[in-house]
Amino acid sequence: MVALQKIDLSRILFALGMCGLGVVTAFYGDFALQWQPIPKTLPGYHVLAYVSAALLTAGGIALVTKVHVRAALMLACYLCVFWLPPQLLSVVPAYTSIASWLGFCEVLGVTCGAVIIWAGPARAKVQRTARVLFGLCCIVYGISHFAYPGFTADMIPHWLPQRLALAYVTGAAHVVAGLAIACRVLPRLAALLEAVMMSLFVVLLHLPSLWASPPPAWAPTLRVEITALFWATSLAASAWVVARSLPRRS
């Protein structure tokens, strides 16, 4: 029982997301599509893609070992070099586009998860900063639901009623949770609810897309479906990491 209590499920989920992305990158010999928009004109493009796959897979595996702190630091640095810059470059020419900010904030949110795992209680200020940034990212996630309600509603399974209303409700939930985390108003509860909601996205939306026929419009190929699944897993894991890093009486 004591051993079970010591298991960090948020870290295991984060590791699963990273390893999954690494395996997909290695299988296709390419970066993670729009989630990692590396220009194909970059010298050594495919070599860098395999290096990226190796770092993701090795870092994910190491996250569930005794060297998880170093692995988290490596993954945070890797995300800052291989993922954030291309997303930032896509924001600069389209800074008024919520879609471009959404891509950047999704990567930033996962980076915050890696930073929090690395920082631990010993680097409280770093953790607090990462949590604030994660909260701000959640606000952007929510705004995107209001900016693109039709697209968001189409991603929701057809068997759920009032999909457009759900798009707005989940958008509002993102915004409220993000504000609460960033402003430290019941942040642990907010992070837990955000983590539950993101996990439900994985279970109800991304997993069923793997066997949907015909495939959903937002994920027309198996590669997009699998990449989106592991990316959504990483986002949900980051929310769980944030929640776990907060004290129960915060």
C-alpha atoms as a PDB file:
ATOM      1  CA  MET A   1       0.000   0.000   0.000  1.00  0.00           C
ATOM      2  CA  VAL A   2       2.839   2.380   0.865  1.00  0.00           C
ATOM      3  CA  ALA A   3       4.549   1.562  -2.437  1.00  0.00           C
ATOM      4  CA  LEU A   4       1.376   2.402  -4.342  1.00  0.00           C
ATOM      5  CA  GLN A   5       1.124   5.753  -2.577  1.00  0.00           C
ATOM      6  CA  LYS A   6       4.633   6.644  -3.745  1.00  0.00           C
ATOM      7  CA  ILE A   7       3.776   6.067  -7.410  1.00  0.00           C
ATOM      8  CA  ASP A   8       3.501   9.381  -9.237  1.00  0.00           C
ATOM      9  CA  LEU A   9       0.752   8.633 -11.758  1.00  0.00           C
ATOM     10  CA  SER A  10       0.966  12.139 -13.219  1.00  0.00           C
ATOM     11  CA  ARG A  11       4.613  11.548 -14.090  1.00  0.00           C
ATOM     12  CA  ILE A  12       3.813   8.141 -15.591  1.00  0.00           C
ATOM     13  CA  LEU A  13       1.100   9.712 -17.756  1.00  0.00           C
ATOM     14  CA  PHE A  14       3.522  12.438 -18.827  1.00  0.00           C
ATOM     15  CA  ALA A  15       6.079   9.762 -19.702  1.00  0.00           C
ATOM     16  CA  LEU A  16       3.473   7.899 -21.772  1.00  0.00           C
ATOM     17  CA  GLY A  17       2.739  11.031 -23.783  1.00  0.00           C
ATOM     18  CA  MET A  18       6.418  11.745 -24.434  1.00  0.00           C
ATOM     19  CA  CYS A  19       7.252   8.136 -25.357  1.00  0.00           C
ATOM     20  CA  GLY A  20       4.232   7.926 -27.634  1.00  0.00           C
ATOM     21  CA  LEU A  21       5.251  11.059 -29.508  1.00  0.00           C
ATOM     22  CA  GLY A  22       8.795   9.717 -29.773  1.00  0.00           C
ATOM     23  CA  VAL A  23       7.661   6.406 -31.251  1.00  0.00           C
ATOM     24  CA  VAL A  24       5.345   8.119 -33.758  1.00  0.00           C
ATOM     25  CA  THR A  25       8.147  10.503 -34.778  1.00  0.00           C
ATOM     26  CA  ALA A  26      10.552   7.580 -35.277  1.00  0.00           C
ATOM     27  CA  PHE A  27       8.001   5.512 -37.220  1.00  0.00           C
ATOM     28  CA  TYR A  28       7.238   8.301 -39.703  1.00  0.00           C
ATOM     29  CA  GLY A  29      10.735   9.808 -39.673  1.00  0.00           C
ATOM     30  CA  ASP A  30       9.109  13.183 -39.375  1.00  0.00           C
ATOM     31  CA  PHE A  31       8.204  15.771 -36.769  1.00  0.00           C
ATOM     32  CA  ALA A  32       4.819  16.023 -35.075  1.00  0.00           C
ATOM     33  CA  LEU A  33       2.934  17.803 -37.854  1.00  0.00           C
ATOM     34  CA  GLN A  34       1.333  21.118 -36.876  1.00  0.00           C
ATOM     35  CA  TRP A  35       2.264  20.544 -33.243  1.00  0.00           C
ATOM     36  CA  GLN A  36       5.958  20.793 -34.172  1.00  0.00           C
ATOM     37  CA  PRO A  37       6.126  22.878 -37.385  1.00  0.00           C
ATOM     38  CA  ILE A  38       9.801  22.446 -38.247  1.00  0.00           C
ATOM     39  CA  PRO A  39      10.412  23.793 -41.812  1.00  0.00           C
ATOM     40  CA  LYS A  40      11.286  20.997 -44.227  1.00  0.00           C
ATOM     41  CA  THR A  41      13.953  23.238 -45.749  1.00  0.00           C
ATOM     42  CA  LEU A  42      16.017  22.964 -42.575  1.00  0.00           C
ATOM     43  CA  PRO A  43      19.359  21.192 -43.273  1.00  0.00           C
ATOM     44  CA  GLY A  44      19.397  17.652 -41.912  1.00  0.00           C
ATOM     45  CA  TYR A  45      15.622  17.715 -41.445  1.00  0.00           C
ATOM     46  CA  HIS A  46      15.098  13.936 -41.247  1.00  0.00           C
ATOM     47  CA  VAL A  47      18.218  13.364 -39.153  1.00  0.00           C
ATOM     48  CA  LEU A  48      16.945  15.932 -36.656  1.00  0.00           C
ATOM     49  CA  ALA A  49      13.571  14.207 -36.667  1.00  0.00           C
ATOM     50  CA  TYR A  50      15.171  10.924 -35.576  1.00  0.00           C
ATOM     51  CA  VAL A  51      17.237  12.754 -32.955  1.00  0.00           C
ATOM     52  CA  SER A  52      14.000  14.314 -31.717  1.00  0.00           C
ATOM     53  CA  ALA A  53      12.359  10.881 -31.567  1.00  0.00           C
ATOM     54  CA  ALA A  54      15.266   9.466 -29.584  1.00  0.00           C
ATOM     55  CA  LEU A  55      15.197  12.315 -27.071  1.00  0.00           C
ATOM     56  CA  LEU A  56      11.435  12.046 -26.574  1.00  0.00           C
ATOM     57  CA  THR A  57      11.511   8.274 -26.127  1.00  0.00           C
ATOM     58  CA  ALA A  58      14.586   8.195 -23.900  1.00  0.00           C
ATOM     59  CA  GLY A  59      13.318  11.094 -21.801  1.00  0.00           C
ATOM     60  CA  GLY A  60       9.914   9.489 -21.400  1.00  0.00           C
ATOM     61  CA  ILE A  61      11.392   6.168 -20.294  1.00  0.00           C
ATOM     62  CA  ALA A  62      13.764   7.892 -17.879  1.00  0.00           C
ATOM     63  CA  LEU A  63      10.852   9.769 -16.294  1.00  0.00           C
ATOM     64  CA  VAL A  64       9.694   6.570 -14.592  1.00  0.00           C
ATOM     65  CA  THR A  65      13.145   5.755 -13.184  1.00  0.00           C
ATOM     66  CA  LYS A  66      15.244   7.166 -10.365  1.00  0.00           C
ATOM     67  CA  VAL A  67      16.770   9.744 -12.744  1.00  0.00           C
ATOM     68  CA  HIS A  68      13.387  11.318 -13.475  1.00  0.00           C
ATOM     69  CA  VAL A  69      14.556  14.758 -12.300  1.00  0.00           C
ATOM     70  CA  ARG A  70      17.345  14.847 -14.868  1.00  0.00           C
ATOM     71  CA  ALA A  71      15.000  13.393 -17.481  1.00  0.00           C
ATOM     72  CA  ALA A  72      12.462  16.155 -16.832  1.00  0.00           C
ATOM     73  CA  LEU A  73      15.181  18.791 -17.186  1.00  0.00           C
ATOM     74  CA  MET A  74      16.316  17.240 -20.459  1.00  0.00           C
ATOM     75  CA  LEU A  75      12.744  17.154 -21.786  1.00  0.00           C
ATOM     76  CA  ALA A  76      12.139  20.766 -20.720  1.00  0.00           C
ATOM     77  CA  CYS A  77      15.295  21.872 -22.555  1.00  0.00           C
ATOM     78  CA  TYR A  78      14.366  19.733 -25.553  1.00  0.00           C
ATOM     79  CA  LEU A  79      10.875  21.271 -25.750  1.00  0.00           C
ATOM     80  CA  CYS A  80      12.387  24.748 -25.476  1.00  0.00           C
ATOM     81  CA  VAL A  81      14.708  24.024 -28.430  1.00  0.00           C
ATOM     82  CA  PHE A  82      12.691  21.728 -30.734  1.00  0.00           C
ATOM     83  CA  TRP A  83       9.075  22.752 -30.058  1.00  0.00           C
ATOM     84  CA  LEU A  84       8.710  26.306 -28.714  1.00  0.00           C
ATOM     85  CA  PRO A  85      10.801  28.217 -31.329  1.00  0.00           C
ATOM     86  CA  PRO A  86       8.891  26.936 -34.407  1.00  0.00           C
ATOM     87  CA  GLN A  87       5.592  27.653 -32.655  1.00  0.00           C
ATOM     88  CA  LEU A  88       6.803  31.127 -31.717  1.00  0.00           C
ATOM     89  CA  LEU A  89       7.882  31.773 -35.300  1.00  0.00           C
ATOM     90  CA  SER A  90       4.351  30.935 -36.431  1.00  0.00           C
ATOM     91  CA  VAL A  91       2.931  33.388 -33.884  1.00  0.00           C
ATOM     92  CA  VAL A  92       5.018  36.385 -34.995  1.00  0.00           C
ATOM     93  CA  PRO A  93       3.457  36.865 -38.457  1.00  0.00           C
ATOM     94  CA  ALA A  94      -0.035  36.026 -37.152  1.00  0.00           C
ATOM     95  CA  TYR A  95      -0.019  37.467 -33.646  1.00  0.00           C
ATOM     96  CA  THR A  96      -3.734  38.317 -33.870  1.00  0.00           C
ATOM     97  CA  SER A  97      -4.643  34.690 -34.612  1.00  0.00           C
ATOM     98  CA  ILE A  98      -5.910  32.645 -31.691  1.00  0.00           C
ATOM     99  CA  ALA A  99      -4.957  29.470 -33.573  1.00  0.00           C
ATOM    100  CA  SER A 100      -1.281  30.441 -33.665  1.00  0.00           C
ATOM    101  CA  TRP A 101      -1.312  31.344 -29.971  1.00  0.00           C
ATOM    102  CA  LEU A 102      -3.090  28.075 -29.201  1.00  0.00           C
ATOM    103  CA  GLY A 103      -0.275  26.026 -30.734  1.00  0.00           C
ATOM    104  CA  PHE A 104       2.341  28.001 -28.830  1.00  0.00           C
ATOM    105  CA  CYS A 105       0.470  27.743 -25.523  1.00  0.00           C
ATOM    106  CA  GLU A 106      -0.117  24.010 -25.900  1.00  0.00           C
ATOM    107  CA  VAL A 107       3.633  23.470 -26.226  1.00  0.00           C
ATOM    108  CA  LEU A 108       4.307  25.930 -23.408  1.00  0.00           C
ATOM    109  CA  GLY A 109       1.808  24.111 -21.182  1.00  0.00           C
ATOM    110  CA  VAL A 110       3.575  20.772 -21.663  1.00  0.00           C
ATOM    111  CA  THR A 111       6.940  22.473 -21.131  1.00  0.00           C
ATOM    112  CA  CYS A 112       5.617  23.811 -17.815  1.00  0.00           C
ATOM    113  CA  GLY A 113       4.763  20.243 -16.822  1.00  0.00           C
ATOM    114  CA  ALA A 114       8.334  19.105 -17.484  1.00  0.00           C
ATOM    115  CA  VAL A 115       9.733  22.118 -15.606  1.00  0.00           C
ATOM    116  CA  ILE A 116       7.543  21.406 -12.570  1.00  0.00           C
ATOM    117  CA  ILE A 117       8.663  17.772 -12.455  1.00  0.00           C
ATOM    118  CA  TRP A 118      12.285  18.900 -12.608  1.00  0.00           C
ATOM    119  CA  ALA A 119      11.927  21.746 -10.106  1.00  0.00           C
ATOM    120  CA  GLY A 120      10.242  19.759  -7.349  1.00  0.00           C
ATOM    121  CA  PRO A 121       9.605  21.302  -3.919  1.00  0.00           C
ATOM    122  CA  ALA A 122      13.256  22.400  -3.673  1.00  0.00           C
ATOM    123  CA  ARG A 123      12.741  25.021  -6.393  1.00  0.00           C
ATOM    124  CA  ALA A 124       9.446  26.466  -5.227  1.00  0.00           C
ATOM    125  CA  LYS A 125       9.792  29.758  -7.108  1.00  0.00           C
ATOM    126  CA  VAL A 126      10.394  27.955 -10.390  1.00  0.00           C
ATOM    127  CA  GLN A 127       7.346  25.782  -9.750  1.00  0.00           C
ATOM    128  CA  ARG A 128       5.178  28.805  -8.983  1.00  0.00           C
ATOM    129  CA  THR A 129       6.252  30.557 -12.166  1.00  0.00           C
ATOM    130  CA  ALA A 130       5.580  27.436 -14.234  1.00  0.00           C
ATOM    131  CA  ARG A 131       2.138  27.065 -12.662  1.00  0.00           C
ATOM    132  CA  VAL A 132       1.246  30.683 -13.469  1.00  0.00           C
ATOM    133  CA  LEU A 133       2.337  30.178 -17.072  1.00  0.00           C
ATOM    134  CA  PHE A 134       0.307  26.964 -17.255  1.00  0.00           C
ATOM    135  CA  GLY A 135      -2.744  28.844 -15.965  1.00  0.00           C
ATOM    136  CA  LEU A 136      -2.304  31.502 -18.646  1.00  0.00           C
ATOM    137  CA  CYS A 137      -2.070  28.746 -21.255  1.00  0.00           C
ATOM    138  CA  CYS A 138      -5.383  27.298 -20.045  1.00  0.00           C
ATOM    139  CA  ILE A 139      -6.991  30.688 -20.602  1.00  0.00           C
ATOM    140  CA  VAL A 140      -5.853  30.604 -24.238  1.00  0.00           C
ATOM    141  CA  TYR A 141      -7.231  27.051 -24.575  1.00  0.00           C
ATOM    142  CA  GLY A 142     -10.587  28.363 -23.432  1.00  0.00           C
ATOM    143  CA  ILE A 143     -10.551  31.418 -25.683  1.00  0.00           C
ATOM    144  CA  SER A 144      -9.934  29.134 -28.667  1.00  0.00           C
ATOM    145  CA  HIS A 145     -13.244  27.368 -27.922  1.00  0.00           C
ATOM    146  CA  PHE A 146     -15.043  30.705 -28.242  1.00  0.00           C
ATOM    147  CA  ALA A 147     -13.033  31.736 -31.302  1.00  0.00           C
ATOM    148  CA  TYR A 148     -13.687  28.452 -33.125  1.00  0.00           C
ATOM    149  CA  PRO A 149     -16.898  27.037 -31.615  1.00  0.00           C
ATOM    150  CA  GLY A 150     -17.926  25.151 -34.732  1.00  0.00           C
ATOM    151  CA  PHE A 151     -14.592  23.341 -35.073  1.00  0.00           C
ATOM    152  CA  THR A 152     -14.561  22.546 -31.351  1.00  0.00           C
ATOM    153  CA  ALA A 153     -18.116  21.205 -31.487  1.00  0.00           C
ATOM    154  CA  ASP A 154     -17.235  18.979 -34.456  1.00  0.00           C
ATOM    155  CA  MET A 155     -14.491  17.361 -32.385  1.00  0.00           C
ATOM    156  CA  ILE A 156     -17.019  16.313 -29.716  1.00  0.00           C
ATOM    157  CA  PRO A 157     -18.462  12.787 -30.232  1.00  0.00           C
ATOM    158  CA  HIS A 158     -21.792  12.850 -32.066  1.00  0.00           C
ATOM    159  CA  TRP A 159     -23.518  10.766 -29.406  1.00  0.00           C
ATOM    160  CA  LEU A 160     -23.155  13.612 -26.908  1.00  0.00           C
ATOM    161  CA  PRO A 161     -26.047  16.110 -26.972  1.00  0.00           C
ATOM    162  CA  GLN A 162     -25.711  19.884 -27.348  1.00  0.00           C
ATOM    163  CA  ARG A 163     -22.203  19.751 -28.744  1.00  0.00           C
ATOM    164  CA  LEU A 164     -22.015  23.479 -29.471  1.00  0.00           C
ATOM    165  CA  ALA A 165     -23.091  24.253 -25.918  1.00  0.00           C
ATOM    166  CA  LEU A 166     -20.452  21.829 -24.643  1.00  0.00           C
ATOM    167  CA  ALA A 167     -17.829  23.652 -26.706  1.00  0.00           C
ATOM    168  CA  TYR A 168     -18.702  26.902 -24.916  1.00  0.00           C
ATOM    169  CA  VAL A 169     -18.975  25.258 -21.491  1.00  0.00           C
ATOM    170  CA  THR A 170     -15.590  23.555 -21.756  1.00  0.00           C
ATOM    171  CA  GLY A 171     -14.104  26.803 -23.059  1.00  0.00           C
ATOM    172  CA  ALA A 172     -15.421  28.662 -20.036  1.00  0.00           C
ATOM    173  CA  ALA A 173     -14.099  25.885 -17.780  1.00  0.00           C
ATOM    174  CA  HIS A 174     -10.618  26.298 -19.287  1.00  0.00           C
ATOM    175  CA  VAL A 175     -10.714  30.059 -18.694  1.00  0.00           C
ATOM    176  CA  VAL A 176     -11.967  29.803 -15.102  1.00  0.00           C
ATOM    177  CA  ALA A 177      -9.459  27.090 -14.221  1.00  0.00           C
ATOM    178  CA  GLY A 178      -6.631  29.045 -15.813  1.00  0.00           C
ATOM    179  CA  LEU A 179      -7.511  32.214 -13.923  1.00  0.00           C
ATOM    180  CA  ALA A 180      -7.761  30.287 -10.646  1.00  0.00           C
ATOM    181  CA  ILE A 181      -4.370  28.607 -11.169  1.00  0.00           C
ATOM    182  CA  ALA A 182      -2.622  31.801 -12.275  1.00  0.00           C
ATOM    183  CA  CYS A 183      -4.155  33.924  -9.507  1.00  0.00           C
ATOM    184  CA  ARG A 184      -3.809  31.188  -6.842  1.00  0.00           C
ATOM    185  CA  VAL A 185      -7.494  31.072  -5.994  1.00  0.00           C
ATOM    186  CA  LEU A 186      -8.212  27.453  -5.016  1.00  0.00           C
ATOM    187  CA  PRO A 187      -5.462  26.474  -7.495  1.00  0.00           C
ATOM    188  CA  ARG A 188      -5.292  22.791  -6.546  1.00  0.00           C
ATOM    189  CA  LEU A 189      -9.022  22.288  -7.064  1.00  0.00           C
ATOM    190  CA  ALA A 190      -8.858  24.213 -10.344  1.00  0.00           C
ATOM    191  CA  ALA A 191      -5.898  22.178 -11.568  1.00  0.00           C
ATOM    192  CA  LEU A 192      -7.591  18.904 -10.591  1.00  0.00           C
ATOM    193  CA  LEU A 193     -10.769  19.824 -12.461  1.00  0.00           C
ATOM    194  CA  GLU A 194      -8.735  20.949 -15.472  1.00  0.00           C
ATOM    195  CA  ALA A 195      -6.839  17.640 -15.399  1.00  0.00           C
ATOM    196  CA  VAL A 196     -10.070  15.629 -15.205  1.00  0.00           C
ATOM    197  CA  MET A 197     -11.575  17.562 -18.122  1.00  0.00           C
ATOM    198  CA  MET A 198      -8.450  17.142 -20.271  1.00  0.00           C
ATOM    199  CA  SER A 199      -8.329  13.437 -19.431  1.00  0.00           C
ATOM    200  CA  LEU A 200     -11.953  13.093 -20.518  1.00  0.00           C
ATOM    201  CA  PHE A 201     -10.974  14.680 -23.840  1.00  0.00           C
ATOM    202  CA  VAL A 202      -8.442  11.873 -24.267  1.00  0.00           C
ATOM    203  CA  VAL A 203     -10.908   9.122 -23.355  1.00  0.00           C
ATOM    204  CA  LEU A 204     -14.048  10.419 -25.088  1.00  0.00           C
ATOM    205  CA  LEU A 205     -12.559  12.177 -28.096  1.00  0.00           C
ATOM    206  CA  HIS A 206      -9.073  11.034 -29.059  1.00  0.00           C
ATOM    207  CA  LEU A 207      -9.214   7.309 -28.279  1.00  0.00           C
ATOM    208  CA  PRO A 208     -12.484   6.674 -30.187  1.00  0.00           C
ATOM    209  CA  SER A 209     -11.076   8.520 -33.219  1.00  0.00           C
ATOM    210  CA  LEU A 210      -8.635   5.626 -33.748  1.00  0.00           C
ATOM    211  CA  TRP A 211     -11.424   3.282 -34.887  1.00  0.00           C
ATOM    212  CA  ALA A 212     -13.960   5.799 -36.176  1.00  0.00           C
ATOM    213  CA  SER A 213     -15.218   5.063 -39.688  1.00  0.00           C
ATOM    214  CA  PRO A 214     -15.119   7.306 -41.567  1.00  0.00           C
ATOM    215  CA  PRO A 215     -12.332   9.117 -39.707  1.00  0.00           C
ATOM    216  CA  PRO A 216     -13.284  12.461 -38.129  1.00  0.00           C
ATOM    217  CA  ALA A 217     -12.772  15.598 -40.216  1.00  0.00           C
ATOM    218  CA  TRP A 218     -10.300  17.013 -37.675  1.00  0.00           C
ATOM    219  CA  ALA A 219      -8.094  13.894 -37.913  1.00  0.00           C
ATOM    220  CA  PRO A 220      -8.361  12.494 -41.453  1.00  0.00           C
ATOM    221  CA  THR A 221      -5.355  10.130 -41.199  1.00  0.00           C
ATOM    222  CA  LEU A 222      -4.118   7.604 -38.657  1.00  0.00           C
ATOM    223  CA  ARG A 223      -0.936   9.612 -38.179  1.00  0.00           C
ATOM    224  CA  VAL A 224      -2.886  12.714 -37.178  1.00  0.00           C
ATOM    225  CA  GLU A 225      -5.105  10.668 -34.855  1.00  0.00           C
ATOM    226  CA  ILE A 226      -2.198   8.989 -33.046  1.00  0.00           C
ATOM    227  CA  THR A 227      -0.161  12.197 -32.794  1.00  0.00           C
ATOM    228  CA  ALA A 228      -3.171  14.078 -31.429  1.00  0.00           C
ATOM    229  CA  LEU A 229      -3.817  11.279 -28.934  1.00  0.00           C
ATOM    230  CA  PHE A 230      -0.347  11.383 -27.421  1.00  0.00           C
ATOM    231  CA  TRP A 231      -0.247  15.174 -27.507  1.00  0.00           C
ATOM    232  CA  ALA A 232      -3.593  15.350 -25.672  1.00  0.00           C
ATOM    233  CA  THR A 233      -2.217  12.809 -23.188  1.00  0.00           C
ATOM    234  CA  SER A 234       0.796  15.055 -22.581  1.00  0.00           C
ATOM    235  CA  LEU A 235      -1.463  18.063 -22.022  1.00  0.00           C
ATOM    236  CA  ALA A 236      -3.663  16.152 -19.569  1.00  0.00           C
ATOM    237  CA  ALA A 237      -0.561  14.849 -17.789  1.00  0.00           C
ATOM    238  CA  SER A 238       0.764  18.401 -17.446  1.00  0.00           C
ATOM    239  CA  ALA A 239      -2.457  19.414 -15.708  1.00  0.00           C
ATOM    240  CA  TRP A 240      -2.119  16.458 -13.311  1.00  0.00           C
ATOM    241  CA  VAL A 241       1.512  17.442 -12.673  1.00  0.00           C
ATOM    242  CA  VAL A 242       0.403  20.982 -11.804  1.00  0.00           C
ATOM    243  CA  ALA A 243      -2.282  19.681  -9.443  1.00  0.00           C
ATOM    244  CA  ARG A 244       0.129  17.299  -7.720  1.00  0.00           C
ATOM    245  CA  SER A 245       2.673  20.081  -7.192  1.00  0.00           C
ATOM    246  CA  LEU A 246       0.177  22.146  -5.192  1.00  0.00           C
ATOM    247  CA  PRO A 247      -0.332  21.584  -1.472  1.00  0.00           C
ATOM    248  CA  ARG A 248      -3.660  20.179  -0.359  1.00  0.00           C
ATOM    249  CA  ARG A 249      -4.342  23.338   1.675  1.00  0.00           C
ATOM    250  CA  SER A 250      -3.350  25.969  -0.876  1.00  0.00           C
END
